[in-house]
């Protein structure tokens, strides 16, 4: 018999977060869904489900994170599954990006994720149970699109954070998964979802400029179905031995394999030089 779970899902107002919240409710679970603003709109969209609690929470504000996590525990008594989904994409070349733009990107996608994890961990550690699912990206495996390198670097960080965290908390009964979706039909590439850098340099027109021009055309034509991804997350949450890394979508799987192939080829090509750095054995006379 399936045990009812309590979910805390950040960035649940739309896209993957919304679909995961809806799927968890449909599965009979209880959901705390967080949004940065207008919580009433999400409650309406999810038909004021009796097992839903909508909480206003901005992951860049530590006080809101702590208060939101406490609200979840006070309302449902525990948190079984944390889905760190809050985040956004930045489109721009590294040289074009300002320090402020870079700071906002990392504060949301990386430090915000860490804030939520640190707020939830004491509760999970006390219960010796829980599953943390950190939403990464296919760009967290391979920087394959010019202009999304900065965004991808935050997702590389999410992969590393998840792997390191898993080593620390697995003995405590807490599981960690970095979920790396490919391109899904969400609002991620809509003009009001990703942030385009304010500075545009002509030198990057053949690379980043091409991506800027194509982003709007890709929106709405992504191959992945968000509702199907949500079912993958439900299966993950109910797995006794979930993976630490999971690319989702054929494009994400291909990205992972392509990166592994390239890295193997590079290491093999440079191995004689790279392996020449050990100190020679010294004979004591």
C-alpha atoms as a PDB file:
ATOM      1  CA  UNK A   1       0.000   0.000   0.000  1.00  0.00           C
ATOM      2  CA  UNK A   2       1.325   3.424  -0.975  1.00  0.00           C
ATOM      3  CA  UNK A   3       2.237   5.716   1.900  1.00  0.00           C
ATOM      4  CA  UNK A   4       0.968   9.285   1.593  1.00  0.00           C
ATOM      5  CA  UNK A   5       3.816  11.764   1.210  1.00  0.00           C
ATOM      6  CA  UNK A   6       4.182  15.442   1.999  1.00  0.00           C
ATOM      7  CA  UNK A   7       5.873  17.475  -0.728  1.00  0.00           C
ATOM      8  CA  UNK A   8       7.507  20.899  -0.628  1.00  0.00           C
ATOM      9  CA  UNK A   9       7.886  22.220  -4.177  1.00  0.00           C
ATOM     10  CA  UNK A  10       9.552  25.555  -4.905  1.00  0.00           C
ATOM     11  CA  UNK A  11       8.798  27.548  -8.040  1.00  0.00           C
ATOM     12  CA  UNK A  12       5.401  25.910  -8.444  1.00  0.00           C
ATOM     13  CA  UNK A  13       3.533  28.747 -10.147  1.00  0.00           C
ATOM     14  CA  UNK A  14       3.969  27.286 -13.633  1.00  0.00           C
ATOM     15  CA  UNK A  15       6.017  24.945 -15.786  1.00  0.00           C
ATOM     16  CA  UNK A  16       7.578  21.839 -14.302  1.00  0.00           C
ATOM     17  CA  UNK A  17       6.896  22.890 -10.707  1.00  0.00           C
ATOM     18  CA  UNK A  18       3.196  23.292 -11.417  1.00  0.00           C
ATOM     19  CA  UNK A  19       2.965  19.925 -13.170  1.00  0.00           C
ATOM     20  CA  UNK A  20       4.805  18.164 -10.351  1.00  0.00           C
ATOM     21  CA  UNK A  21       2.466  19.721  -7.785  1.00  0.00           C
ATOM     22  CA  UNK A  22      -0.575  18.672  -9.786  1.00  0.00           C
ATOM     23  CA  UNK A  23       0.735  15.127 -10.222  1.00  0.00           C
ATOM     24  CA  UNK A  24       1.533  14.756  -6.525  1.00  0.00           C
ATOM     25  CA  UNK A  25      -1.978  15.879  -5.585  1.00  0.00           C
ATOM     26  CA  UNK A  26      -3.463  13.469  -8.125  1.00  0.00           C
ATOM     27  CA  UNK A  27      -1.403  10.690  -6.550  1.00  0.00           C
ATOM     28  CA  UNK A  28      -3.115  11.362  -3.220  1.00  0.00           C
ATOM     29  CA  UNK A  29      -0.218  13.177  -1.593  1.00  0.00           C
ATOM     30  CA  UNK A  30      -0.134  16.450   0.321  1.00  0.00           C
ATOM     31  CA  UNK A  31       1.633  19.412  -1.271  1.00  0.00           C
ATOM     32  CA  UNK A  32       3.130  22.665  -0.070  1.00  0.00           C
ATOM     33  CA  UNK A  33       3.648  24.676  -3.256  1.00  0.00           C
ATOM     34  CA  UNK A  34       5.686  27.861  -3.067  1.00  0.00           C
ATOM     35  CA  UNK A  35       5.514  30.978  -5.237  1.00  0.00           C
ATOM     36  CA  UNK A  36       7.278  34.341  -5.135  1.00  0.00           C
ATOM     37  CA  UNK A  37       4.022  36.281  -5.457  1.00  0.00           C
ATOM     38  CA  UNK A  38       0.281  35.998  -6.053  1.00  0.00           C
ATOM     39  CA  UNK A  39      -0.304  32.733  -4.180  1.00  0.00           C
ATOM     40  CA  UNK A  40      -4.029  32.997  -4.848  1.00  0.00           C
ATOM     41  CA  UNK A  41      -3.500  32.429  -8.554  1.00  0.00           C
ATOM     42  CA  UNK A  42      -1.770  29.099  -7.949  1.00  0.00           C
ATOM     43  CA  UNK A  43      -4.448  28.037  -5.484  1.00  0.00           C
ATOM     44  CA  UNK A  44      -7.069  28.821  -8.123  1.00  0.00           C
ATOM     45  CA  UNK A  45      -5.151  26.913 -10.810  1.00  0.00           C
ATOM     46  CA  UNK A  46      -4.966  23.862  -8.557  1.00  0.00           C
ATOM     47  CA  UNK A  47      -8.674  24.241  -7.682  1.00  0.00           C
ATOM     48  CA  UNK A  48      -8.008  24.899  -3.994  1.00  0.00           C
ATOM     49  CA  UNK A  49      -7.297  21.220  -3.478  1.00  0.00           C
ATOM     50  CA  UNK A  50      -7.935  20.195   0.112  1.00  0.00           C
ATOM     51  CA  UNK A  51      -4.437  18.675   0.380  1.00  0.00           C
ATOM     52  CA  UNK A  52      -2.723  21.779  -0.978  1.00  0.00           C
ATOM     53  CA  UNK A  53      -1.054  24.590   0.910  1.00  0.00           C
ATOM     54  CA  UNK A  54       0.317  27.526  -1.104  1.00  0.00           C
ATOM     55  CA  UNK A  55       3.107  29.491   0.544  1.00  0.00           C
ATOM     56  CA  UNK A  56       4.712  32.732  -0.587  1.00  0.00           C
ATOM     57  CA  UNK A  57       8.453  32.119  -0.651  1.00  0.00           C
ATOM     58  CA  UNK A  58      11.317  33.847  -2.457  1.00  0.00           C
ATOM     59  CA  UNK A  59      14.394  31.586  -2.344  1.00  0.00           C
ATOM     60  CA  UNK A  60      16.689  34.636  -2.400  1.00  0.00           C
ATOM     61  CA  UNK A  61      15.315  35.773   0.975  1.00  0.00           C
ATOM     62  CA  UNK A  62      16.560  33.652   3.870  1.00  0.00           C
ATOM     63  CA  UNK A  63      13.819  34.765   6.252  1.00  0.00           C
ATOM     64  CA  UNK A  64      11.085  33.736   3.804  1.00  0.00           C
ATOM     65  CA  UNK A  65      12.755  30.367   3.215  1.00  0.00           C
ATOM     66  CA  UNK A  66      12.878  29.539   6.920  1.00  0.00           C
ATOM     67  CA  UNK A  67       9.332  30.760   7.501  1.00  0.00           C
ATOM     68  CA  UNK A  68       7.983  28.861   4.491  1.00  0.00           C
ATOM     69  CA  UNK A  69       9.596  25.582   5.530  1.00  0.00           C
ATOM     70  CA  UNK A  70       8.227  26.028   9.050  1.00  0.00           C
ATOM     71  CA  UNK A  71       4.750  26.695   7.656  1.00  0.00           C
ATOM     72  CA  UNK A  72       4.940  23.435   5.725  1.00  0.00           C
ATOM     73  CA  UNK A  73       5.927  21.469   8.817  1.00  0.00           C
ATOM     74  CA  UNK A  74       3.325  23.194  10.991  1.00  0.00           C
ATOM     75  CA  UNK A  75       0.564  22.503   8.470  1.00  0.00           C
ATOM     76  CA  UNK A  76       1.257  18.896   7.476  1.00  0.00           C
ATOM     77  CA  UNK A  77       3.573  17.766  10.269  1.00  0.00           C
ATOM     78  CA  UNK A  78       6.535  16.768   8.094  1.00  0.00           C
ATOM     79  CA  UNK A  79       8.270  17.069   4.714  1.00  0.00           C
ATOM     80  CA  UNK A  80       8.982  13.820   2.882  1.00  0.00           C
ATOM     81  CA  UNK A  81       9.996  15.153  -0.520  1.00  0.00           C
ATOM     82  CA  UNK A  82      11.657  18.472  -1.308  1.00  0.00           C
ATOM     83  CA  UNK A  83      11.670  19.523  -4.968  1.00  0.00           C
ATOM     84  CA  UNK A  84      14.017  22.452  -5.558  1.00  0.00           C
ATOM     85  CA  UNK A  85      12.577  23.755  -8.811  1.00  0.00           C
ATOM     86  CA  UNK A  86      12.768  27.547  -8.395  1.00  0.00           C
ATOM     87  CA  UNK A  87      15.108  29.140 -10.894  1.00  0.00           C
ATOM     88  CA  UNK A  88      15.367  30.973 -14.197  1.00  0.00           C
ATOM     89  CA  UNK A  89      17.575  31.141 -17.271  1.00  0.00           C
ATOM     90  CA  UNK A  90      19.930  33.940 -18.241  1.00  0.00           C
ATOM     91  CA  UNK A  91      20.772  34.414 -21.918  1.00  0.00           C
ATOM     92  CA  UNK A  92      23.931  36.304 -22.699  1.00  0.00           C
ATOM     93  CA  UNK A  93      27.655  35.887 -23.313  1.00  0.00           C
ATOM     94  CA  UNK A  94      29.954  35.776 -20.303  1.00  0.00           C
ATOM     95  CA  UNK A  95      31.666  38.985 -21.382  1.00  0.00           C
ATOM     96  CA  UNK A  96      28.312  40.729 -21.765  1.00  0.00           C
ATOM     97  CA  UNK A  97      26.994  39.790 -18.321  1.00  0.00           C
ATOM     98  CA  UNK A  98      27.246  42.350 -15.527  1.00  0.00           C
ATOM     99  CA  UNK A  99      28.254  41.427 -12.007  1.00  0.00           C
ATOM    100  CA  UNK A 100      24.699  42.167 -10.892  1.00  0.00           C
ATOM    101  CA  UNK A 101      23.207  39.856 -13.549  1.00  0.00           C
ATOM    102  CA  UNK A 102      25.613  37.076 -12.602  1.00  0.00           C
ATOM    103  CA  UNK A 103      24.871  37.567  -8.915  1.00  0.00           C
ATOM    104  CA  UNK A 104      21.106  37.321  -9.410  1.00  0.00           C
ATOM    105  CA  UNK A 105      21.486  34.161 -11.502  1.00  0.00           C
ATOM    106  CA  UNK A 106      23.590  32.385  -8.877  1.00  0.00           C
ATOM    107  CA  UNK A 107      21.610  33.750  -5.937  1.00  0.00           C
ATOM    108  CA  UNK A 108      18.432  32.174  -7.297  1.00  0.00           C
ATOM    109  CA  UNK A 109      19.635  28.981  -8.968  1.00  0.00           C
ATOM    110  CA  UNK A 110      22.427  28.006  -6.565  1.00  0.00           C
ATOM    111  CA  UNK A 111      22.345  29.879  -3.263  1.00  0.00           C
ATOM    112  CA  UNK A 112      18.539  29.826  -3.160  1.00  0.00           C
ATOM    113  CA  UNK A 113      18.600  26.066  -3.592  1.00  0.00           C
ATOM    114  CA  UNK A 114      21.155  25.760  -0.789  1.00  0.00           C
ATOM    115  CA  UNK A 115      19.030  27.952   1.508  1.00  0.00           C
ATOM    116  CA  UNK A 116      16.033  25.681   1.083  1.00  0.00           C
ATOM    117  CA  UNK A 117      18.090  22.517   1.585  1.00  0.00           C
ATOM    118  CA  UNK A 118      19.641  23.886   4.769  1.00  0.00           C
ATOM    119  CA  UNK A 119      16.214  24.872   6.099  1.00  0.00           C
ATOM    120  CA  UNK A 120      14.731  21.417   5.437  1.00  0.00           C
ATOM    121  CA  UNK A 121      17.677  19.220   6.446  1.00  0.00           C
ATOM    122  CA  UNK A 122      17.371  19.521  10.253  1.00  0.00           C
ATOM    123  CA  UNK A 123      13.792  18.244  10.005  1.00  0.00           C
ATOM    124  CA  UNK A 124      14.686  15.355   7.678  1.00  0.00           C
ATOM    125  CA  UNK A 125      17.759  14.512   9.744  1.00  0.00           C
ATOM    126  CA  UNK A 126      15.675  14.314  12.904  1.00  0.00           C
ATOM    127  CA  UNK A 127      13.238  11.948  11.188  1.00  0.00           C
ATOM    128  CA  UNK A 128      16.059   9.993   9.486  1.00  0.00           C
ATOM    129  CA  UNK A 129      14.059  10.115   6.252  1.00  0.00           C
ATOM    130  CA  UNK A 130      13.417  12.252   3.206  1.00  0.00           C
ATOM    131  CA  UNK A 131      14.204  12.756  -0.461  1.00  0.00           C
ATOM    132  CA  UNK A 132      15.682  15.935  -1.920  1.00  0.00           C
ATOM    133  CA  UNK A 133      15.168  16.359  -5.674  1.00  0.00           C
ATOM    134  CA  UNK A 134      17.178  19.212  -7.165  1.00  0.00           C
ATOM    135  CA  UNK A 135      16.103  20.285 -10.640  1.00  0.00           C
ATOM    136  CA  UNK A 136      19.155  20.678 -12.848  1.00  0.00           C
ATOM    137  CA  UNK A 137      19.204  20.791 -16.660  1.00  0.00           C
ATOM    138  CA  UNK A 138      20.715  19.132 -19.707  1.00  0.00           C
ATOM    139  CA  UNK A 139      22.967  22.208 -19.652  1.00  0.00           C
ATOM    140  CA  UNK A 140      24.249  20.879 -16.331  1.00  0.00           C
ATOM    141  CA  UNK A 141      25.954  18.094 -18.282  1.00  0.00           C
ATOM    142  CA  UNK A 142      27.128  19.897 -21.392  1.00  0.00           C
ATOM    143  CA  UNK A 143      27.449  23.579 -22.295  1.00  0.00           C
ATOM    144  CA  UNK A 144      26.130  23.013 -25.810  1.00  0.00           C
ATOM    145  CA  UNK A 145      24.333  26.282 -26.603  1.00  0.00           C
ATOM    146  CA  UNK A 146      26.185  29.633 -26.776  1.00  0.00           C
ATOM    147  CA  UNK A 147      24.638  32.197 -24.472  1.00  0.00           C
ATOM    148  CA  UNK A 148      23.347  29.757 -21.878  1.00  0.00           C
ATOM    149  CA  UNK A 149      26.797  29.010 -20.466  1.00  0.00           C
ATOM    150  CA  UNK A 150      26.249  31.147 -17.366  1.00  0.00           C
ATOM    151  CA  UNK A 151      22.888  29.488 -16.692  1.00  0.00           C
ATOM    152  CA  UNK A 152      24.467  26.107 -17.386  1.00  0.00           C
ATOM    153  CA  UNK A 153      27.223  26.821 -14.868  1.00  0.00           C
ATOM    154  CA  UNK A 154      24.578  27.173 -12.152  1.00  0.00           C
ATOM    155  CA  UNK A 155      23.193  23.776 -13.146  1.00  0.00           C
ATOM    156  CA  UNK A 156      26.682  22.248 -13.142  1.00  0.00           C
ATOM    157  CA  UNK A 157      26.785  23.523  -9.555  1.00  0.00           C
ATOM    158  CA  UNK A 158      23.441  21.865  -8.781  1.00  0.00           C
ATOM    159  CA  UNK A 159      24.812  18.542 -10.038  1.00  0.00           C
ATOM    160  CA  UNK A 160      27.900  18.896  -7.830  1.00  0.00           C
ATOM    161  CA  UNK A 161      25.925  20.032  -4.788  1.00  0.00           C
ATOM    162  CA  UNK A 162      23.589  17.060  -5.156  1.00  0.00           C
ATOM    163  CA  UNK A 163      26.429  14.553  -5.466  1.00  0.00           C
ATOM    164  CA  UNK A 164      28.319  15.929  -2.478  1.00  0.00           C
ATOM    165  CA  UNK A 165      25.167  16.214  -0.391  1.00  0.00           C
ATOM    166  CA  UNK A 166      24.207  12.616  -1.148  1.00  0.00           C
ATOM    167  CA  UNK A 167      27.494  11.387   0.346  1.00  0.00           C
ATOM    168  CA  UNK A 168      26.784  13.271   3.564  1.00  0.00           C
ATOM    169  CA  UNK A 169      23.124  12.427   4.100  1.00  0.00           C
ATOM    170  CA  UNK A 170      22.685   8.911   2.708  1.00  0.00           C
ATOM    171  CA  UNK A 171      23.836   7.405   6.032  1.00  0.00           C
ATOM    172  CA  UNK A 172      21.123   9.518   7.699  1.00  0.00           C
ATOM    173  CA  UNK A 173      18.345   7.934   5.634  1.00  0.00           C
ATOM    174  CA  UNK A 174      18.009  10.934   3.281  1.00  0.00           C
ATOM    175  CA  UNK A 175      18.190  10.456  -0.477  1.00  0.00           C
ATOM    176  CA  UNK A 176      19.277  13.056  -3.053  1.00  0.00           C
ATOM    177  CA  UNK A 177      18.604  13.199  -6.793  1.00  0.00           C
ATOM    178  CA  UNK A 178      19.739  15.766  -9.358  1.00  0.00           C
ATOM    179  CA  UNK A 179      17.011  15.715 -12.007  1.00  0.00           C
ATOM    180  CA  UNK A 180      18.231  17.087 -15.345  1.00  0.00           C
ATOM    181  CA  UNK A 181      15.370  17.748 -17.781  1.00  0.00           C
ATOM    182  CA  UNK A 182      15.944  18.390 -21.446  1.00  0.00           C
ATOM    183  CA  UNK A 183      13.804  20.886 -23.330  1.00  0.00           C
ATOM    184  CA  UNK A 184      10.191  20.601 -22.211  1.00  0.00           C
ATOM    185  CA  UNK A 185       7.159  22.553 -23.401  1.00  0.00           C
ATOM    186  CA  UNK A 186       7.112  25.043 -20.547  1.00  0.00           C
ATOM    187  CA  UNK A 187       7.509  28.826 -20.413  1.00  0.00           C
ATOM    188  CA  UNK A 188      11.293  28.569 -19.950  1.00  0.00           C
ATOM    189  CA  UNK A 189      12.054  30.031 -23.394  1.00  0.00           C
ATOM    190  CA  UNK A 190       9.180  32.500 -23.458  1.00  0.00           C
ATOM    191  CA  UNK A 191      10.205  36.155 -23.432  1.00  0.00           C
ATOM    192  CA  UNK A 192       8.803  36.703 -19.928  1.00  0.00           C
ATOM    193  CA  UNK A 193      10.555  33.682 -18.363  1.00  0.00           C
ATOM    194  CA  UNK A 194      14.240  33.857 -19.204  1.00  0.00           C
ATOM    195  CA  UNK A 195      16.294  37.007 -18.683  1.00  0.00           C
ATOM    196  CA  UNK A 196      18.287  38.392 -21.594  1.00  0.00           C
ATOM    197  CA  UNK A 197      21.446  40.299 -20.735  1.00  0.00           C
ATOM    198  CA  UNK A 198      21.205  44.066 -21.106  1.00  0.00           C
ATOM    199  CA  UNK A 199      24.527  44.302 -22.952  1.00  0.00           C
ATOM    200  CA  UNK A 200      24.840  43.011 -26.526  1.00  0.00           C
ATOM    201  CA  UNK A 201      28.270  42.920 -28.200  1.00  0.00           C
ATOM    202  CA  UNK A 202      28.520  42.583 -31.969  1.00  0.00           C
ATOM    203  CA  UNK A 203      31.451  40.188 -31.621  1.00  0.00           C
ATOM    204  CA  UNK A 204      29.073  37.500 -30.353  1.00  0.00           C
ATOM    205  CA  UNK A 205      26.456  37.915 -33.093  1.00  0.00           C
ATOM    206  CA  UNK A 206      27.420  34.634 -34.859  1.00  0.00           C
ATOM    207  CA  UNK A 207      27.124  32.626 -31.626  1.00  0.00           C
ATOM    208  CA  UNK A 208      25.014  34.115 -28.835  1.00  0.00           C
ATOM    209  CA  UNK A 209      23.196  36.352 -31.301  1.00  0.00           C
ATOM    210  CA  UNK A 210      21.943  33.345 -33.238  1.00  0.00           C
ATOM    211  CA  UNK A 211      20.579  31.819 -30.045  1.00  0.00           C
ATOM    212  CA  UNK A 212      18.869  35.084 -29.098  1.00  0.00           C
ATOM    213  CA  UNK A 213      17.134  35.105 -32.462  1.00  0.00           C
ATOM    214  CA  UNK A 214      16.095  31.452 -32.244  1.00  0.00           C
ATOM    215  CA  UNK A 215      14.880  31.342 -28.620  1.00  0.00           C
ATOM    216  CA  UNK A 216      11.414  32.622 -29.450  1.00  0.00           C
ATOM    217  CA  UNK A 217      11.054  30.149 -32.308  1.00  0.00           C
ATOM    218  CA  UNK A 218      12.011  27.199 -30.096  1.00  0.00           C
ATOM    219  CA  UNK A 219       9.428  28.190 -27.484  1.00  0.00           C
ATOM    220  CA  UNK A 220       6.351  26.024 -27.919  1.00  0.00           C
ATOM    221  CA  UNK A 221       8.223  23.450 -30.011  1.00  0.00           C
ATOM    222  CA  UNK A 222      10.205  21.739 -27.262  1.00  0.00           C
ATOM    223  CA  UNK A 223       9.944  17.934 -27.466  1.00  0.00           C
ATOM    224  CA  UNK A 224       9.286  17.125 -23.807  1.00  0.00           C
ATOM    225  CA  UNK A 225       5.854  16.782 -22.194  1.00  0.00           C
ATOM    226  CA  UNK A 226       5.901  18.368 -18.691  1.00  0.00           C
ATOM    227  CA  UNK A 227       3.068  16.110 -17.464  1.00  0.00           C
ATOM    228  CA  UNK A 228       5.134  13.040 -18.347  1.00  0.00           C
ATOM    229  CA  UNK A 229       8.160  14.470 -16.555  1.00  0.00           C
ATOM    230  CA  UNK A 230       5.983  14.951 -13.474  1.00  0.00           C
ATOM    231  CA  UNK A 231       5.193  11.232 -13.536  1.00  0.00           C
ATOM    232  CA  UNK A 232       8.928  10.501 -13.573  1.00  0.00           C
ATOM    233  CA  UNK A 233       9.281  12.616 -10.429  1.00  0.00           C
ATOM    234  CA  UNK A 234       6.418  10.744  -8.750  1.00  0.00           C
ATOM    235  CA  UNK A 235       8.163   7.447  -9.558  1.00  0.00           C
ATOM    236  CA  UNK A 236      11.457   8.820  -8.192  1.00  0.00           C
ATOM    237  CA  UNK A 237       9.809   9.861  -4.937  1.00  0.00           C
ATOM    238  CA  UNK A 238       8.422   6.352  -4.494  1.00  0.00           C
ATOM    239  CA  UNK A 239      11.653   4.540  -5.344  1.00  0.00           C
ATOM    240  CA  UNK A 240      13.490   2.924  -2.408  1.00  0.00           C
ATOM    241  CA  UNK A 241      16.837   3.439  -4.176  1.00  0.00           C
ATOM    242  CA  UNK A 242      16.604   6.563  -6.372  1.00  0.00           C
ATOM    243  CA  UNK A 243      19.550   7.618  -8.561  1.00  0.00           C
ATOM    244  CA  UNK A 244      21.792  10.524  -7.636  1.00  0.00           C
ATOM    245  CA  UNK A 245      21.811  11.773 -11.246  1.00  0.00           C
ATOM    246  CA  UNK A 246      18.966  11.363 -13.726  1.00  0.00           C
ATOM    247  CA  UNK A 247      18.770  13.069 -17.136  1.00  0.00           C
ATOM    248  CA  UNK A 248      15.150  13.124 -18.339  1.00  0.00           C
ATOM    249  CA  UNK A 249      14.185  13.356 -21.993  1.00  0.00           C
ATOM    250  CA  UNK A 250      15.960  11.933 -25.022  1.00  0.00           C
ATOM    251  CA  UNK A 251      17.849  15.194 -25.553  1.00  0.00           C
ATOM    252  CA  UNK A 252      19.120  15.242 -21.962  1.00  0.00           C
ATOM    253  CA  UNK A 253      20.213  11.608 -22.174  1.00  0.00           C
ATOM    254  CA  UNK A 254      22.016  12.347 -25.459  1.00  0.00           C
ATOM    255  CA  UNK A 255      23.698  15.367 -23.856  1.00  0.00           C
ATOM    256  CA  UNK A 256      24.972  13.250 -20.967  1.00  0.00           C
ATOM    257  CA  UNK A 257      26.347  10.571 -23.298  1.00  0.00           C
ATOM    258  CA  UNK A 258      27.925  13.111 -25.647  1.00  0.00           C
ATOM    259  CA  UNK A 259      29.715  14.781 -22.742  1.00  0.00           C
ATOM    260  CA  UNK A 260      30.975  11.431 -21.427  1.00  0.00           C
ATOM    261  CA  UNK A 261      32.292  10.534 -24.901  1.00  0.00           C
ATOM    262  CA  UNK A 262      34.069  13.864 -25.376  1.00  0.00           C
ATOM    263  CA  UNK A 263      35.660  13.743 -21.925  1.00  0.00           C
ATOM    264  CA  UNK A 264      36.876  10.169 -22.433  1.00  0.00           C
ATOM    265  CA  UNK A 265      38.434  11.122 -25.776  1.00  0.00           C
ATOM    266  CA  UNK A 266      40.151  14.203 -24.337  1.00  0.00           C
ATOM    267  CA  UNK A 267      41.526  12.350 -21.310  1.00  0.00           C
ATOM    268  CA  UNK A 268      42.798   9.497 -23.494  1.00  0.00           C
ATOM    269  CA  UNK A 269      44.479  11.893 -25.918  1.00  0.00           C
ATOM    270  CA  UNK A 270      46.273  13.782 -23.158  1.00  0.00           C
ATOM    271  CA  UNK A 271      46.812  10.896 -20.747  1.00  0.00           C
ATOM    272  CA  UNK A 272      50.569  10.434 -21.348  1.00  0.00           C
ATOM    273  CA  UNK A 273      51.264  14.052 -20.431  1.00  0.00           C
ATOM    274  CA  UNK A 274      48.609  14.277 -17.707  1.00  0.00           C
ATOM    275  CA  UNK A 275      49.879  11.092 -16.017  1.00  0.00           C
ATOM    276  CA  UNK A 276      53.505  12.205 -16.035  1.00  0.00           C
ATOM    277  CA  UNK A 277      53.266  14.295 -12.887  1.00  0.00           C
ATOM    278  CA  UNK A 278      53.806  11.718 -10.114  1.00  0.00           C
ATOM    279  CA  UNK A 279      57.061  11.966  -8.169  1.00  0.00           C
ATOM    280  CA  UNK A 280      59.611   9.332  -9.193  1.00  0.00           C
ATOM    281  CA  UNK A 281      60.439   6.577  -6.660  1.00  0.00           C
ATOM    282  CA  UNK A 282      63.615   7.432  -4.818  1.00  0.00           C
ATOM    283  CA  UNK A 283      66.104   4.819  -3.752  1.00  0.00           C
ATOM    284  CA  UNK A 284      67.498   5.309  -0.282  1.00  0.00           C
ATOM    285  CA  UNK A 285      71.249   4.483  -0.328  1.00  0.00           C
END
